[in-house]
Amino acid sequence: MKLLANNKKAYFDYFVIEKYEAGIELKGTEVKSIYLSNCSIKESLCRIVNGECFVYGMNISPYEKGNIFNVDNLRIRKLLLHKAEIRKIEEKLKLKGYTLIPLQVYYKNGKVKVEIGLCKGKKLYDKREDIKRKDMKRDAELNIRKKI
């Protein structure tokens, strides 16, 4: 499994409740561009429309050697999930405060995969607690290194 893009901001802004692995429908030179890690999912989100899951705002830079075969870099892309998974996600999305966010893009066994997470938004005080925990953990590690 080779990691191609990661959404660190999602873990800071949301509690990740469940994770799902989905395939993604790509066209033309998008695959070559993704293999070169020319994609970003920082400001992207997923929606379910008519029983199909789509990712919005995923930026795949045009392939440099692709000339006329390149497609729009911010186009809407379909995610490939089983219908049962989509129904399950759709029921949970109806609850207040839940959203579907892409967490990682990687390729596994020669296929590009997207890990999406069912997330619940964090409040400001939750984010502050996370920052405090990270600072405490970093300080503890520094103290351990100094003692050794």
C-alpha atoms as a PDB file:
ATOM      1  CA  MET A   1       0.000   0.000   0.000  1.00  0.00           C
ATOM      2  CA  LYS A   2       1.540   3.307  -1.109  1.00  0.00           C
ATOM      3  CA  LEU A   3       0.079   6.491   0.384  1.00  0.00           C
ATOM      4  CA  LEU A   4      -0.561   9.128  -2.278  1.00  0.00           C
ATOM      5  CA  ALA A   5      -2.474  11.823  -0.348  1.00  0.00           C
ATOM      6  CA  ASN A   6      -3.457  12.313   3.280  1.00  0.00           C
ATOM      7  CA  ASN A   7      -6.016  14.604   4.927  1.00  0.00           C
ATOM      8  CA  LYS A   8      -4.479  15.463   8.315  1.00  0.00           C
ATOM      9  CA  LYS A   9      -6.883  18.355   8.806  1.00  0.00           C
ATOM     10  CA  ALA A  10      -9.831  15.942   8.893  1.00  0.00           C
ATOM     11  CA  TYR A  11      -8.491  14.314  12.064  1.00  0.00           C
ATOM     12  CA  PHE A  12      -8.112  17.747  13.661  1.00  0.00           C
ATOM     13  CA  ASP A  13     -11.568  19.048  12.696  1.00  0.00           C
ATOM     14  CA  TYR A  14     -13.625  15.838  13.069  1.00  0.00           C
ATOM     15  CA  PHE A  15     -14.055  12.736  15.199  1.00  0.00           C
ATOM     16  CA  VAL A  16     -13.744   9.777  12.805  1.00  0.00           C
ATOM     17  CA  ILE A  17     -16.508   7.308  13.714  1.00  0.00           C
ATOM     18  CA  GLU A  18     -16.142   4.715  10.930  1.00  0.00           C
ATOM     19  CA  LYS A  19     -13.815   4.199   7.973  1.00  0.00           C
ATOM     20  CA  TYR A  20     -14.624   2.699   4.574  1.00  0.00           C
ATOM     21  CA  GLU A  21     -12.423   1.760   1.631  1.00  0.00           C
ATOM     22  CA  ALA A  22     -13.748   2.775  -1.769  1.00  0.00           C
ATOM     23  CA  GLY A  23     -12.516   2.587  -5.314  1.00  0.00           C
ATOM     24  CA  ILE A  24     -12.593   5.721  -7.426  1.00  0.00           C
ATOM     25  CA  GLU A  25     -13.658   6.192 -11.043  1.00  0.00           C
ATOM     26  CA  LEU A  26     -10.879   7.977 -12.929  1.00  0.00           C
ATOM     27  CA  LYS A  27     -10.557   9.074 -16.549  1.00  0.00           C
ATOM     28  CA  GLY A  28      -7.600   9.198 -18.905  1.00  0.00           C
ATOM     29  CA  THR A  29      -4.417  10.636 -17.519  1.00  0.00           C
ATOM     30  CA  GLU A  30      -5.746  11.101 -13.974  1.00  0.00           C
ATOM     31  CA  VAL A  31      -4.311   7.721 -12.976  1.00  0.00           C
ATOM     32  CA  LYS A  32      -0.797   8.690 -14.088  1.00  0.00           C
ATOM     33  CA  SER A  33      -1.089  12.002 -12.294  1.00  0.00           C
ATOM     34  CA  ILE A  34      -2.222  10.294  -9.076  1.00  0.00           C
ATOM     35  CA  TYR A  35       0.648   7.787  -9.244  1.00  0.00           C
ATOM     36  CA  LEU A  36       2.965  10.820  -9.228  1.00  0.00           C
ATOM     37  CA  SER A  37       1.182  12.004  -6.012  1.00  0.00           C
ATOM     38  CA  ASN A  38      -0.258  15.065  -7.759  1.00  0.00           C
ATOM     39  CA  CYS A  39      -3.549  15.042  -5.858  1.00  0.00           C
ATOM     40  CA  SER A  40      -4.954  16.857  -2.850  1.00  0.00           C
ATOM     41  CA  ILE A  41      -7.981  16.028  -0.686  1.00  0.00           C
ATOM     42  CA  LYS A  42      -7.604  18.776   1.931  1.00  0.00           C
ATOM     43  CA  GLU A  43     -10.785  20.634   1.030  1.00  0.00           C
ATOM     44  CA  SER A  44     -12.832  17.763  -0.329  1.00  0.00           C
ATOM     45  CA  LEU A  45     -15.984  16.071   0.908  1.00  0.00           C
ATOM     46  CA  CYS A  46     -18.249  13.221  -0.115  1.00  0.00           C
ATOM     47  CA  ARG A  47     -21.990  13.175  -0.756  1.00  0.00           C
ATOM     48  CA  ILE A  48     -24.502  10.497  -1.577  1.00  0.00           C
ATOM     49  CA  VAL A  49     -26.766  11.397  -4.497  1.00  0.00           C
ATOM     50  CA  ASN A  50     -29.374   8.978  -5.897  1.00  0.00           C
ATOM     51  CA  GLY A  51     -27.783   5.982  -4.207  1.00  0.00           C
ATOM     52  CA  GLU A  52     -24.279   6.750  -5.504  1.00  0.00           C
ATOM     53  CA  CYS A  53     -21.338   8.238  -3.611  1.00  0.00           C
ATOM     54  CA  PHE A  54     -19.357  11.142  -5.117  1.00  0.00           C
ATOM     55  CA  VAL A  55     -16.299  13.084  -3.984  1.00  0.00           C
ATOM     56  CA  TYR A  56     -16.341  16.866  -4.473  1.00  0.00           C
ATOM     57  CA  GLY A  57     -13.326  19.175  -4.424  1.00  0.00           C
ATOM     58  CA  MET A  58     -10.645  16.515  -4.904  1.00  0.00           C
ATOM     59  CA  ASN A  59      -7.874  18.216  -6.848  1.00  0.00           C
ATOM     60  CA  ILE A  60      -5.916  16.034  -9.268  1.00  0.00           C
ATOM     61  CA  SER A  61      -3.363  18.164 -11.109  1.00  0.00           C
ATOM     62  CA  PRO A  62      -3.291  17.722 -14.892  1.00  0.00           C
ATOM     63  CA  TYR A  63      -0.703  15.249 -16.147  1.00  0.00           C
ATOM     64  CA  GLU A  64       2.174  17.218 -17.700  1.00  0.00           C
ATOM     65  CA  LYS A  65       2.533  14.974 -20.753  1.00  0.00           C
ATOM     66  CA  GLY A  66      -1.196  14.483 -21.248  1.00  0.00           C
ATOM     67  CA  ASN A  67      -2.015  17.480 -23.521  1.00  0.00           C
ATOM     68  CA  ILE A  68      -5.595  17.138 -24.913  1.00  0.00           C
ATOM     69  CA  PHE A  69      -6.456  14.052 -22.858  1.00  0.00           C
ATOM     70  CA  ASN A  70      -6.363  15.908 -19.516  1.00  0.00           C
ATOM     71  CA  VAL A  71      -9.710  16.478 -17.786  1.00  0.00           C
ATOM     72  CA  ASP A  72     -10.844  19.160 -15.343  1.00  0.00           C
ATOM     73  CA  ASN A  73      -8.800  18.896 -12.149  1.00  0.00           C
ATOM     74  CA  LEU A  74     -11.741  19.614  -9.785  1.00  0.00           C
ATOM     75  CA  ARG A  75     -14.415  17.529 -11.481  1.00  0.00           C
ATOM     76  CA  ILE A  76     -16.825  15.406  -9.431  1.00  0.00           C
ATOM     77  CA  ARG A  77     -15.617  11.804  -9.180  1.00  0.00           C
ATOM     78  CA  LYS A  78     -17.682   8.734  -8.414  1.00  0.00           C
ATOM     79  CA  LEU A  79     -16.670   6.487  -5.528  1.00  0.00           C
ATOM     80  CA  LEU A  80     -17.201   2.758  -5.928  1.00  0.00           C
ATOM     81  CA  LEU A  81     -18.946   1.204  -2.923  1.00  0.00           C
ATOM     82  CA  HIS A  82     -21.388  -1.659  -2.447  1.00  0.00           C
ATOM     83  CA  LYS A  83     -25.063  -0.656  -2.283  1.00  0.00           C
ATOM     84  CA  ALA A  84     -25.382  -2.059   1.238  1.00  0.00           C
ATOM     85  CA  GLU A  85     -22.491   0.140   2.406  1.00  0.00           C
ATOM     86  CA  ILE A  86     -24.003   3.191   0.739  1.00  0.00           C
ATOM     87  CA  ARG A  87     -27.389   2.563   2.403  1.00  0.00           C
ATOM     88  CA  LYS A  88     -25.713   2.119   5.777  1.00  0.00           C
ATOM     89  CA  ILE A  89     -23.728   5.352   5.364  1.00  0.00           C
ATOM     90  CA  GLU A  90     -26.787   7.232   4.126  1.00  0.00           C
ATOM     91  CA  GLU A  91     -28.792   6.298   7.231  1.00  0.00           C
ATOM     92  CA  LYS A  92     -26.002   7.533   9.497  1.00  0.00           C
ATOM     93  CA  LEU A  93     -25.593  10.775   7.527  1.00  0.00           C
ATOM     94  CA  LYS A  94     -29.212  11.678   8.307  1.00  0.00           C
ATOM     95  CA  LEU A  95     -28.200  12.117  11.952  1.00  0.00           C
ATOM     96  CA  LYS A  96     -27.340  15.674  12.916  1.00  0.00           C
ATOM     97  CA  GLY A  97     -23.687  16.651  12.697  1.00  0.00           C
ATOM     98  CA  TYR A  98     -22.374  13.738  10.629  1.00  0.00           C
ATOM     99  CA  THR A  99     -20.477  14.151   7.377  1.00  0.00           C
ATOM    100  CA  LEU A 100     -18.462  12.018   4.962  1.00  0.00           C
ATOM    101  CA  ILE A 101     -14.829  13.057   4.467  1.00  0.00           C
ATOM    102  CA  PRO A 102     -12.040  11.478   2.365  1.00  0.00           C
ATOM    103  CA  LEU A 103      -9.130  10.654   4.686  1.00  0.00           C
ATOM    104  CA  GLN A 104      -6.507   9.067   2.429  1.00  0.00           C
ATOM    105  CA  VAL A 105      -5.784   8.247  -1.191  1.00  0.00           C
ATOM    106  CA  TYR A 106      -3.525   5.260  -1.778  1.00  0.00           C
ATOM    107  CA  TYR A 107      -3.028   2.490  -4.218  1.00  0.00           C
ATOM    108  CA  LYS A 108      -3.359  -1.128  -3.267  1.00  0.00           C
ATOM    109  CA  ASN A 109      -2.759  -4.077  -5.585  1.00  0.00           C
ATOM    110  CA  GLY A 110      -2.417  -1.717  -8.569  1.00  0.00           C
ATOM    111  CA  LYS A 111      -5.727   0.084  -7.952  1.00  0.00           C
ATOM    112  CA  VAL A 112      -6.319   3.584  -6.575  1.00  0.00           C
ATOM    113  CA  LYS A 113      -8.360   3.505  -3.367  1.00  0.00           C
ATOM    114  CA  VAL A 114      -9.885   6.249  -1.228  1.00  0.00           C
ATOM    115  CA  GLU A 115     -10.416   5.805   2.490  1.00  0.00           C
ATOM    116  CA  ILE A 116     -13.503   7.748   3.518  1.00  0.00           C
ATOM    117  CA  GLY A 117     -14.579   8.383   7.057  1.00  0.00           C
ATOM    118  CA  LEU A 118     -17.952   8.949   8.640  1.00  0.00           C
ATOM    119  CA  CYS A 119     -17.142  11.928  10.854  1.00  0.00           C
ATOM    120  CA  LYS A 120     -18.724  14.118  13.487  1.00  0.00           C
ATOM    121  CA  GLY A 121     -17.564  17.725  13.796  1.00  0.00           C
ATOM    122  CA  LYS A 122     -15.477  18.795  16.775  1.00  0.00           C
ATOM    123  CA  LYS A 123     -16.213  21.810  18.901  1.00  0.00           C
ATOM    124  CA  LEU A 124     -13.527  24.388  19.678  1.00  0.00           C
ATOM    125  CA  TYR A 125     -12.906  22.980  23.166  1.00  0.00           C
ATOM    126  CA  ASP A 126     -12.353  19.498  21.698  1.00  0.00           C
ATOM    127  CA  LYS A 127      -9.670  20.904  19.402  1.00  0.00           C
ATOM    128  CA  ARG A 128      -7.984  22.622  22.349  1.00  0.00           C
ATOM    129  CA  GLU A 129      -7.899  19.345  24.263  1.00  0.00           C
ATOM    130  CA  ASP A 130      -6.269  17.619  21.277  1.00  0.00           C
ATOM    131  CA  ILE A 131      -3.601  20.334  21.110  1.00  0.00           C
ATOM    132  CA  LYS A 132      -2.924  19.960  24.850  1.00  0.00           C
ATOM    133  CA  ARG A 133      -2.579  16.182  24.518  1.00  0.00           C
ATOM    134  CA  LYS A 134      -0.139  16.536  21.604  1.00  0.00           C
ATOM    135  CA  ASP A 135       1.937  19.079  23.537  1.00  0.00           C
ATOM    136  CA  MET A 136       2.045  16.867  26.626  1.00  0.00           C
ATOM    137  CA  LYS A 137       3.028  13.833  24.558  1.00  0.00           C
ATOM    138  CA  ARG A 138       5.785  15.779  22.791  1.00  0.00           C
ATOM    139  CA  ASP A 139       7.131  17.125  26.117  1.00  0.00           C
ATOM    140  CA  ALA A 140       7.148  13.642  27.641  1.00  0.00           C
ATOM    141  CA  GLU A 141       9.082  12.272  24.660  1.00  0.00           C
ATOM    142  CA  LEU A 142      11.616  15.108  24.908  1.00  0.00           C
ATOM    143  CA  ASN A 143      12.103  14.416  28.633  1.00  0.00           C
ATOM    144  CA  ILE A 144      12.670  10.725  27.945  1.00  0.00           C
ATOM    145  CA  ARG A 145      15.252  11.549  25.253  1.00  0.00           C
ATOM    146  CA  LYS A 146      17.104  13.935  27.571  1.00  0.00           C
ATOM    147  CA  LYS A 147      17.352  11.279  30.304  1.00  0.00           C
ATOM    148  CA  ILE A 148      18.844   8.705  27.937  1.00  0.00           C
END
